[in-house]
């Protein structure tokens, strides 16, 4: 059975979309993250006018499953799934703070989320260098993006995906789902961007909470040159022993990401998954 699993895994990995790991010494890096607007083509009103969180989650689901572009129908379907889950769990699909966002990502996607308090520019860049996009919540008015129609009567809570950075220009490169004109690859200056990072506060109903970011990483990984596949969660890695485990857990081969052995060792070893 072991040999059969290795054979199947090697065959499947031929088709994996391996996420490239940029050179950490680079002055400019930009990951290829599929883009979708919070109000995608063919939609309007309802939950779509406040869907920056769901759009951000969906972009990274496609990224971590090896997609380079977004299939609009699939993207809209996944965003709708999040609306429905939020309505059931929280009674609303508006304004998901980082804790709620982390739960939704960890429960309903093929990648993981962890919350980082008071993130620094260096920390964010390090994640990008390792091929791991970052999700950030913001007080939107202070972004001064003329292409985002925030309402003065609203909370101005906003969320987006950091895909890269440019040290020469001192700018982050983002997929901003709220930008109605040029959201893919939009740029914000480091200082302005970091100054606008605020979690949503359910107490004040405003985007004036602490500075937090959501760092992301894959759930299923392998190391180059090895057929072994591991499941990551809660700072633990677990070896997956057989193809039947994939079937039982409804995992996808395309969700297996190649990572460095050094990074994998930052996780603690857990029991192997046999069923």
C-alpha atoms as a PDB file:
ATOM      1  CA  UNK A   1       0.000   0.000   0.000  1.00  0.00           C
ATOM      2  CA  UNK A   2       2.877   2.347   0.816  1.00  0.00           C
ATOM      3  CA  UNK A   3       4.469   1.855  -2.605  1.00  0.00           C
ATOM      4  CA  UNK A   4       1.106   2.370  -4.278  1.00  0.00           C
ATOM      5  CA  UNK A   5       0.658   5.674  -2.461  1.00  0.00           C
ATOM      6  CA  UNK A   6       4.115   6.877  -3.486  1.00  0.00           C
ATOM      7  CA  UNK A   7       3.400   5.961  -7.102  1.00  0.00           C
ATOM      8  CA  UNK A   8       0.033   7.744  -7.080  1.00  0.00           C
ATOM      9  CA  UNK A   9       1.454  10.782  -5.379  1.00  0.00           C
ATOM     10  CA  UNK A  10       4.343  11.098  -7.822  1.00  0.00           C
ATOM     11  CA  UNK A  11       1.954  10.835 -10.723  1.00  0.00           C
ATOM     12  CA  UNK A  12      -0.346  13.453  -9.295  1.00  0.00           C
ATOM     13  CA  UNK A  13       2.459  15.890  -8.550  1.00  0.00           C
ATOM     14  CA  UNK A  14       3.270  16.116 -12.243  1.00  0.00           C
ATOM     15  CA  UNK A  15       0.073  18.117 -12.563  1.00  0.00           C
ATOM     16  CA  UNK A  16       0.505  20.297  -9.492  1.00  0.00           C
ATOM     17  CA  UNK A  17       0.763  24.034  -9.972  1.00  0.00           C
ATOM     18  CA  UNK A  18       3.796  24.760  -7.813  1.00  0.00           C
ATOM     19  CA  UNK A  19       3.875  28.218  -6.298  1.00  0.00           C
ATOM     20  CA  UNK A  20       7.144  29.921  -7.071  1.00  0.00           C
ATOM     21  CA  UNK A  21       9.216  31.186  -4.159  1.00  0.00           C
ATOM     22  CA  UNK A  22      10.693  34.598  -4.968  1.00  0.00           C
ATOM     23  CA  UNK A  23      14.276  35.510  -4.123  1.00  0.00           C
ATOM     24  CA  UNK A  24      14.204  37.091  -0.661  1.00  0.00           C
ATOM     25  CA  UNK A  25      16.898  39.538  -1.770  1.00  0.00           C
ATOM     26  CA  UNK A  26      14.671  40.967  -4.498  1.00  0.00           C
ATOM     27  CA  UNK A  27      13.747  44.632  -4.229  1.00  0.00           C
ATOM     28  CA  UNK A  28      10.447  44.006  -6.010  1.00  0.00           C
ATOM     29  CA  UNK A  29       8.236  40.917  -5.848  1.00  0.00           C
ATOM     30  CA  UNK A  30       4.686  40.294  -7.040  1.00  0.00           C
ATOM     31  CA  UNK A  31       2.889  36.959  -6.729  1.00  0.00           C
ATOM     32  CA  UNK A  32       0.415  35.893  -9.394  1.00  0.00           C
ATOM     33  CA  UNK A  33      -2.832  35.905  -7.418  1.00  0.00           C
ATOM     34  CA  UNK A  34      -6.106  35.602  -9.382  1.00  0.00           C
ATOM     35  CA  UNK A  35      -8.333  38.640  -9.044  1.00  0.00           C
ATOM     36  CA  UNK A  36     -12.054  39.168  -8.555  1.00  0.00           C
ATOM     37  CA  UNK A  37     -13.910  42.342  -7.628  1.00  0.00           C
ATOM     38  CA  UNK A  38     -16.188  42.439  -4.612  1.00  0.00           C
ATOM     39  CA  UNK A  39     -18.936  43.338  -7.086  1.00  0.00           C
ATOM     40  CA  UNK A  40     -18.140  40.894  -9.924  1.00  0.00           C
ATOM     41  CA  UNK A  41     -19.578  41.245 -13.408  1.00  0.00           C
ATOM     42  CA  UNK A  42     -23.264  40.403 -13.496  1.00  0.00           C
ATOM     43  CA  UNK A  43     -23.917  41.244  -9.840  1.00  0.00           C
ATOM     44  CA  UNK A  44     -25.174  44.291  -7.963  1.00  0.00           C
ATOM     45  CA  UNK A  45     -26.629  45.286  -4.626  1.00  0.00           C
ATOM     46  CA  UNK A  46     -27.387  42.859  -1.821  1.00  0.00           C
ATOM     47  CA  UNK A  47     -24.328  41.221  -0.253  1.00  0.00           C
ATOM     48  CA  UNK A  48     -22.083  42.177  -3.169  1.00  0.00           C
ATOM     49  CA  UNK A  49     -21.736  45.783  -2.050  1.00  0.00           C
ATOM     50  CA  UNK A  50     -19.898  44.631   1.101  1.00  0.00           C
ATOM     51  CA  UNK A  51     -18.024  41.630  -0.256  1.00  0.00           C
ATOM     52  CA  UNK A  52     -14.368  42.644   0.010  1.00  0.00           C
ATOM     53  CA  UNK A  53     -13.753  39.948   2.629  1.00  0.00           C
ATOM     54  CA  UNK A  54     -15.364  37.163   0.596  1.00  0.00           C
ATOM     55  CA  UNK A  55     -13.540  38.300  -2.549  1.00  0.00           C
ATOM     56  CA  UNK A  56     -10.214  38.263  -0.680  1.00  0.00           C
ATOM     57  CA  UNK A  57     -10.837  34.749   0.684  1.00  0.00           C
ATOM     58  CA  UNK A  58     -11.795  33.547  -2.794  1.00  0.00           C
ATOM     59  CA  UNK A  59      -8.723  35.009  -4.503  1.00  0.00           C
ATOM     60  CA  UNK A  60      -6.437  33.087  -2.167  1.00  0.00           C
ATOM     61  CA  UNK A  61      -8.425  29.868  -2.499  1.00  0.00           C
ATOM     62  CA  UNK A  62      -7.701  29.970  -6.219  1.00  0.00           C
ATOM     63  CA  UNK A  63      -4.060  30.907  -5.600  1.00  0.00           C
ATOM     64  CA  UNK A  64      -3.418  28.044  -3.199  1.00  0.00           C
ATOM     65  CA  UNK A  65      -5.038  25.570  -5.590  1.00  0.00           C
ATOM     66  CA  UNK A  66      -2.655  26.574  -8.365  1.00  0.00           C
ATOM     67  CA  UNK A  67      -4.862  28.905 -10.410  1.00  0.00           C
ATOM     68  CA  UNK A  68      -3.340  31.848 -12.294  1.00  0.00           C
ATOM     69  CA  UNK A  69      -6.629  33.435 -13.358  1.00  0.00           C
ATOM     70  CA  UNK A  70     -10.103  33.542 -11.863  1.00  0.00           C
ATOM     71  CA  UNK A  71     -13.001  31.714 -13.444  1.00  0.00           C
ATOM     72  CA  UNK A  72     -15.739  34.289 -12.843  1.00  0.00           C
ATOM     73  CA  UNK A  73     -18.527  31.754 -12.329  1.00  0.00           C
ATOM     74  CA  UNK A  74     -16.457  29.722  -9.848  1.00  0.00           C
ATOM     75  CA  UNK A  75     -15.391  32.866  -8.035  1.00  0.00           C
ATOM     76  CA  UNK A  76     -18.958  34.122  -7.676  1.00  0.00           C
ATOM     77  CA  UNK A  77     -20.093  30.686  -6.502  1.00  0.00           C
ATOM     78  CA  UNK A  78     -17.461  30.607  -3.778  1.00  0.00           C
ATOM     79  CA  UNK A  79     -18.281  34.129  -2.617  1.00  0.00           C
ATOM     80  CA  UNK A  80     -21.947  33.140  -2.447  1.00  0.00           C
ATOM     81  CA  UNK A  81     -20.990  30.119  -0.348  1.00  0.00           C
ATOM     82  CA  UNK A  82     -19.297  32.452   2.135  1.00  0.00           C
ATOM     83  CA  UNK A  83     -22.366  34.731   2.254  1.00  0.00           C
ATOM     84  CA  UNK A  84     -24.540  31.743   3.088  1.00  0.00           C
ATOM     85  CA  UNK A  85     -22.183  30.402   5.770  1.00  0.00           C
ATOM     86  CA  UNK A  86     -21.920  33.833   7.407  1.00  0.00           C
ATOM     87  CA  UNK A  87     -25.681  34.262   7.431  1.00  0.00           C
ATOM     88  CA  UNK A  88     -26.101  30.907   9.153  1.00  0.00           C
ATOM     89  CA  UNK A  89     -23.234  31.344  11.621  1.00  0.00           C
ATOM     90  CA  UNK A  90     -23.473  35.048  12.422  1.00  0.00           C
ATOM     91  CA  UNK A  91     -26.834  36.233  11.145  1.00  0.00           C
ATOM     92  CA  UNK A  92     -25.131  38.596   8.698  1.00  0.00           C
ATOM     93  CA  UNK A  93     -22.550  38.599   5.915  1.00  0.00           C
ATOM     94  CA  UNK A  94     -21.412  42.175   6.562  1.00  0.00           C
ATOM     95  CA  UNK A  95     -18.105  43.179   8.193  1.00  0.00           C
ATOM     96  CA  UNK A  96     -16.180  40.033   9.099  1.00  0.00           C
ATOM     97  CA  UNK A  97     -13.392  40.921  11.525  1.00  0.00           C
ATOM     98  CA  UNK A  98     -10.082  39.026  11.465  1.00  0.00           C
ATOM     99  CA  UNK A  99     -11.239  36.395  13.988  1.00  0.00           C
ATOM    100  CA  UNK A 100     -14.372  35.639  11.994  1.00  0.00           C
ATOM    101  CA  UNK A 101     -12.358  35.705   8.764  1.00  0.00           C
ATOM    102  CA  UNK A 102      -9.816  33.260  10.190  1.00  0.00           C
ATOM    103  CA  UNK A 103     -12.577  30.824  11.114  1.00  0.00           C
ATOM    104  CA  UNK A 104     -14.189  31.027   7.675  1.00  0.00           C
ATOM    105  CA  UNK A 105     -10.881  30.478   5.904  1.00  0.00           C
ATOM    106  CA  UNK A 106      -9.752  27.593   8.109  1.00  0.00           C
ATOM    107  CA  UNK A 107     -13.129  25.876   7.922  1.00  0.00           C
ATOM    108  CA  UNK A 108     -14.174  26.346   4.302  1.00  0.00           C
ATOM    109  CA  UNK A 109     -11.019  26.730   2.184  1.00  0.00           C
ATOM    110  CA  UNK A 110      -7.961  24.737   1.131  1.00  0.00           C
ATOM    111  CA  UNK A 111      -5.542  27.054   2.949  1.00  0.00           C
ATOM    112  CA  UNK A 112      -4.916  28.278   6.495  1.00  0.00           C
ATOM    113  CA  UNK A 113      -5.097  31.645   8.222  1.00  0.00           C
ATOM    114  CA  UNK A 114      -3.449  32.971  11.351  1.00  0.00           C
ATOM    115  CA  UNK A 115      -3.840  36.401  12.928  1.00  0.00           C
ATOM    116  CA  UNK A 116      -0.775  38.579  13.473  1.00  0.00           C
ATOM    117  CA  UNK A 117      -1.066  41.547  15.819  1.00  0.00           C
ATOM    118  CA  UNK A 118       0.809  44.730  14.932  1.00  0.00           C
ATOM    119  CA  UNK A 119       2.327  43.384  11.707  1.00  0.00           C
ATOM    120  CA  UNK A 120       5.450  45.087  10.411  1.00  0.00           C
ATOM    121  CA  UNK A 121       6.532  45.857   6.864  1.00  0.00           C
ATOM    122  CA  UNK A 122       9.396  43.385   7.259  1.00  0.00           C
ATOM    123  CA  UNK A 123       7.062  40.602   8.401  1.00  0.00           C
ATOM    124  CA  UNK A 124       4.717  41.156   5.477  1.00  0.00           C
ATOM    125  CA  UNK A 125       7.567  41.220   2.978  1.00  0.00           C
ATOM    126  CA  UNK A 126       8.953  37.992   4.426  1.00  0.00           C
ATOM    127  CA  UNK A 127       5.606  36.274   3.821  1.00  0.00           C
ATOM    128  CA  UNK A 128       5.492  37.528   0.242  1.00  0.00           C
ATOM    129  CA  UNK A 129       9.080  36.363  -0.325  1.00  0.00           C
ATOM    130  CA  UNK A 130       7.983  32.877   0.772  1.00  0.00           C
ATOM    131  CA  UNK A 131       5.048  32.859  -1.660  1.00  0.00           C
ATOM    132  CA  UNK A 132       2.358  33.458   0.965  1.00  0.00           C
ATOM    133  CA  UNK A 133      -0.010  36.399   0.287  1.00  0.00           C
ATOM    134  CA  UNK A 134      -1.292  38.432   3.224  1.00  0.00           C
ATOM    135  CA  UNK A 135      -4.842  39.650   3.897  1.00  0.00           C
ATOM    136  CA  UNK A 136      -5.214  43.000   5.638  1.00  0.00           C
ATOM    137  CA  UNK A 137      -8.215  44.890   7.105  1.00  0.00           C
ATOM    138  CA  UNK A 138      -8.346  48.683   6.806  1.00  0.00           C
ATOM    139  CA  UNK A 139     -10.053  51.905   7.702  1.00  0.00           C
ATOM    140  CA  UNK A 140     -10.905  52.569   4.082  1.00  0.00           C
ATOM    141  CA  UNK A 141     -11.261  56.344   4.002  1.00  0.00           C
ATOM    142  CA  UNK A 142      -7.621  56.789   4.977  1.00  0.00           C
ATOM    143  CA  UNK A 143      -6.485  54.754   1.948  1.00  0.00           C
ATOM    144  CA  UNK A 144      -7.415  57.749  -0.235  1.00  0.00           C
ATOM    145  CA  UNK A 145      -8.186  55.498  -3.191  1.00  0.00           C
ATOM    146  CA  UNK A 146     -10.456  57.526  -5.506  1.00  0.00           C
ATOM    147  CA  UNK A 147     -11.718  54.337  -7.168  1.00  0.00           C
ATOM    148  CA  UNK A 148     -13.436  52.954  -4.038  1.00  0.00           C
ATOM    149  CA  UNK A 149     -16.894  54.479  -3.440  1.00  0.00           C
ATOM    150  CA  UNK A 150     -17.032  54.349   0.356  1.00  0.00           C
ATOM    151  CA  UNK A 151     -20.208  55.786   1.833  1.00  0.00           C
ATOM    152  CA  UNK A 152     -19.771  58.444   4.483  1.00  0.00           C
ATOM    153  CA  UNK A 153     -22.607  56.838   6.398  1.00  0.00           C
ATOM    154  CA  UNK A 154     -20.882  53.436   6.416  1.00  0.00           C
ATOM    155  CA  UNK A 155     -18.150  51.871   8.545  1.00  0.00           C
ATOM    156  CA  UNK A 156     -15.455  52.256   5.870  1.00  0.00           C
ATOM    157  CA  UNK A 157     -14.239  48.767   6.774  1.00  0.00           C
ATOM    158  CA  UNK A 158     -12.230  47.286   3.938  1.00  0.00           C
ATOM    159  CA  UNK A 159     -10.156  44.180   3.224  1.00  0.00           C
ATOM    160  CA  UNK A 160      -7.658  43.286   0.497  1.00  0.00           C
ATOM    161  CA  UNK A 161      -4.820  40.927  -0.441  1.00  0.00           C
ATOM    162  CA  UNK A 162      -1.160  41.957  -0.460  1.00  0.00           C
ATOM    163  CA  UNK A 163       0.459  40.214  -3.425  1.00  0.00           C
ATOM    164  CA  UNK A 164       3.813  41.967  -3.574  1.00  0.00           C
ATOM    165  CA  UNK A 165       6.017  44.918  -2.769  1.00  0.00           C
ATOM    166  CA  UNK A 166       8.393  47.370  -4.427  1.00  0.00           C
ATOM    167  CA  UNK A 167      11.166  48.647  -2.165  1.00  0.00           C
ATOM    168  CA  UNK A 168      12.409  51.218  -4.651  1.00  0.00           C
ATOM    169  CA  UNK A 169       9.000  52.888  -4.712  1.00  0.00           C
ATOM    170  CA  UNK A 170       8.254  51.959  -1.056  1.00  0.00           C
ATOM    171  CA  UNK A 171       4.912  50.503  -2.090  1.00  0.00           C
ATOM    172  CA  UNK A 172       2.852  47.392  -1.466  1.00  0.00           C
ATOM    173  CA  UNK A 173       1.241  45.788  -4.508  1.00  0.00           C
ATOM    174  CA  UNK A 174      -2.265  44.538  -3.798  1.00  0.00           C
ATOM    175  CA  UNK A 175      -5.357  42.920  -5.226  1.00  0.00           C
ATOM    176  CA  UNK A 176      -7.936  45.424  -3.997  1.00  0.00           C
ATOM    177  CA  UNK A 177     -11.416  43.995  -4.631  1.00  0.00           C
ATOM    178  CA  UNK A 178     -13.109  47.305  -3.874  1.00  0.00           C
ATOM    179  CA  UNK A 179     -11.308  49.273  -6.573  1.00  0.00           C
ATOM    180  CA  UNK A 180     -13.772  49.740  -9.436  1.00  0.00           C
ATOM    181  CA  UNK A 181     -11.115  50.709 -11.983  1.00  0.00           C
ATOM    182  CA  UNK A 182      -7.697  49.212 -11.343  1.00  0.00           C
ATOM    183  CA  UNK A 183      -7.859  46.837  -8.390  1.00  0.00           C
ATOM    184  CA  UNK A 184      -5.444  44.169  -9.601  1.00  0.00           C
ATOM    185  CA  UNK A 185      -1.899  45.307  -8.963  1.00  0.00           C
ATOM    186  CA  UNK A 186      -2.940  48.553  -7.277  1.00  0.00           C
ATOM    187  CA  UNK A 187      -0.189  50.187  -5.235  1.00  0.00           C
ATOM    188  CA  UNK A 188      -0.227  51.832  -1.826  1.00  0.00           C
ATOM    189  CA  UNK A 189       2.751  53.522  -0.165  1.00  0.00           C
ATOM    190  CA  UNK A 190       4.162  51.639   2.802  1.00  0.00           C
ATOM    191  CA  UNK A 191       3.507  54.356   5.368  1.00  0.00           C
ATOM    192  CA  UNK A 192      -0.034  55.177   4.224  1.00  0.00           C
ATOM    193  CA  UNK A 193      -0.922  51.497   3.979  1.00  0.00           C
ATOM    194  CA  UNK A 194       0.393  50.501   7.397  1.00  0.00           C
ATOM    195  CA  UNK A 195      -1.305  53.483   9.003  1.00  0.00           C
ATOM    196  CA  UNK A 196      -4.715  52.365   7.742  1.00  0.00           C
ATOM    197  CA  UNK A 197      -4.586  48.761   9.030  1.00  0.00           C
ATOM    198  CA  UNK A 198      -7.379  48.370  11.562  1.00  0.00           C
ATOM    199  CA  UNK A 199      -9.560  45.421  12.498  1.00  0.00           C
ATOM    200  CA  UNK A 200     -13.332  45.815  12.593  1.00  0.00           C
ATOM    201  CA  UNK A 201     -14.806  46.421  16.043  1.00  0.00           C
ATOM    202  CA  UNK A 202     -18.217  44.901  16.716  1.00  0.00           C
ATOM    203  CA  UNK A 203     -18.438  47.123  19.799  1.00  0.00           C
ATOM    204  CA  UNK A 204     -18.077  50.451  17.989  1.00  0.00           C
ATOM    205  CA  UNK A 205     -19.264  49.121  14.601  1.00  0.00           C
ATOM    206  CA  UNK A 206     -16.331  50.874  12.975  1.00  0.00           C
ATOM    207  CA  UNK A 207     -12.980  49.961  11.466  1.00  0.00           C
ATOM    208  CA  UNK A 208     -11.088  51.313  14.459  1.00  0.00           C
ATOM    209  CA  UNK A 209      -9.882  48.083  16.042  1.00  0.00           C
ATOM    210  CA  UNK A 210      -6.253  47.027  16.620  1.00  0.00           C
ATOM    211  CA  UNK A 211      -3.732  46.723  13.809  1.00  0.00           C
ATOM    212  CA  UNK A 212      -3.941  43.123  12.632  1.00  0.00           C
ATOM    213  CA  UNK A 213      -3.176  41.087   9.530  1.00  0.00           C
ATOM    214  CA  UNK A 214      -4.108  37.614   8.376  1.00  0.00           C
ATOM    215  CA  UNK A 215      -1.072  35.608   7.307  1.00  0.00           C
ATOM    216  CA  UNK A 216      -1.906  32.654   5.079  1.00  0.00           C
ATOM    217  CA  UNK A 217      -0.308  29.301   4.283  1.00  0.00           C
ATOM    218  CA  UNK A 218      -1.333  26.029   2.585  1.00  0.00           C
ATOM    219  CA  UNK A 219      -3.049  23.116   4.325  1.00  0.00           C
ATOM    220  CA  UNK A 220      -1.478  20.426   2.135  1.00  0.00           C
ATOM    221  CA  UNK A 221       2.252  20.504   1.407  1.00  0.00           C
ATOM    222  CA  UNK A 222       5.208  18.511   0.172  1.00  0.00           C
ATOM    223  CA  UNK A 223       8.938  19.170   0.004  1.00  0.00           C
ATOM    224  CA  UNK A 224      10.614  19.103  -3.398  1.00  0.00           C
ATOM    225  CA  UNK A 225      12.126  15.694  -4.135  1.00  0.00           C
ATOM    226  CA  UNK A 226       9.937  13.843  -1.640  1.00  0.00           C
ATOM    227  CA  UNK A 227       6.629  12.053  -2.333  1.00  0.00           C
ATOM    228  CA  UNK A 228       5.395  12.589   1.234  1.00  0.00           C
ATOM    229  CA  UNK A 229       2.399  14.868   1.722  1.00  0.00           C
ATOM    230  CA  UNK A 230       1.588  16.610   4.972  1.00  0.00           C
ATOM    231  CA  UNK A 231      -1.505  18.256   6.404  1.00  0.00           C
ATOM    232  CA  UNK A 232      -0.827  21.532   8.251  1.00  0.00           C
ATOM    233  CA  UNK A 233      -2.982  23.097  10.938  1.00  0.00           C
ATOM    234  CA  UNK A 234      -2.546  24.855  14.288  1.00  0.00           C
ATOM    235  CA  UNK A 235       1.261  24.829  13.995  1.00  0.00           C
ATOM    236  CA  UNK A 236       1.262  21.027  13.505  1.00  0.00           C
ATOM    237  CA  UNK A 237       2.168  18.863  10.506  1.00  0.00           C
ATOM    238  CA  UNK A 238       0.745  15.386  10.007  1.00  0.00           C
ATOM    239  CA  UNK A 239       1.938  12.853   7.452  1.00  0.00           C
ATOM    240  CA  UNK A 240      -0.813  11.553   5.153  1.00  0.00           C
ATOM    241  CA  UNK A 241      -0.251   7.828   4.758  1.00  0.00           C
ATOM    242  CA  UNK A 242      -2.509   6.796   1.858  1.00  0.00           C
ATOM    243  CA  UNK A 243      -4.529   8.092  -1.119  1.00  0.00           C
ATOM    244  CA  UNK A 244      -7.715   6.978   0.619  1.00  0.00           C
ATOM    245  CA  UNK A 245      -7.133   9.747   3.172  1.00  0.00           C
ATOM    246  CA  UNK A 246      -7.535  12.289   0.375  1.00  0.00           C
ATOM    247  CA  UNK A 247     -10.829  10.729  -0.608  1.00  0.00           C
ATOM    248  CA  UNK A 248     -12.079  10.567   2.965  1.00  0.00           C
ATOM    249  CA  UNK A 249     -11.259  14.219   3.637  1.00  0.00           C
ATOM    250  CA  UNK A 250     -12.331  15.513   0.213  1.00  0.00           C
ATOM    251  CA  UNK A 251      -8.897  17.051  -0.343  1.00  0.00           C
ATOM    252  CA  UNK A 252      -7.687  18.111  -3.787  1.00  0.00           C
ATOM    253  CA  UNK A 253      -4.385  17.159  -5.403  1.00  0.00           C
ATOM    254  CA  UNK A 254      -4.109  20.660  -6.843  1.00  0.00           C
ATOM    255  CA  UNK A 255      -4.163  22.059  -3.292  1.00  0.00           C
ATOM    256  CA  UNK A 256      -0.794  20.432  -2.481  1.00  0.00           C
ATOM    257  CA  UNK A 257       1.862  23.175  -2.398  1.00  0.00           C
ATOM    258  CA  UNK A 258       5.624  22.682  -2.500  1.00  0.00           C
ATOM    259  CA  UNK A 259       7.408  24.301   0.459  1.00  0.00           C
ATOM    260  CA  UNK A 260      10.934  24.387   1.845  1.00  0.00           C
ATOM    261  CA  UNK A 261      12.054  21.744   4.324  1.00  0.00           C
ATOM    262  CA  UNK A 262      13.268  24.484   6.635  1.00  0.00           C
ATOM    263  CA  UNK A 263       9.837  26.121   6.744  1.00  0.00           C
ATOM    264  CA  UNK A 264       8.079  22.800   7.320  1.00  0.00           C
ATOM    265  CA  UNK A 265      10.342  22.192  10.319  1.00  0.00           C
ATOM    266  CA  UNK A 266       8.906  25.298  11.999  1.00  0.00           C
ATOM    267  CA  UNK A 267       5.780  23.186  12.615  1.00  0.00           C
ATOM    268  CA  UNK A 268       5.550  20.544  15.302  1.00  0.00           C
ATOM    269  CA  UNK A 269       5.153  16.890  14.377  1.00  0.00           C
ATOM    270  CA  UNK A 270       1.726  15.372  14.948  1.00  0.00           C
ATOM    271  CA  UNK A 271       0.366  11.839  14.537  1.00  0.00           C
ATOM    272  CA  UNK A 272       0.123  10.433  11.020  1.00  0.00           C
ATOM    273  CA  UNK A 273      -3.305  10.500   9.378  1.00  0.00           C
ATOM    274  CA  UNK A 274      -4.349   6.961   8.445  1.00  0.00           C
ATOM    275  CA  UNK A 275      -8.003   7.416   7.551  1.00  0.00           C
END
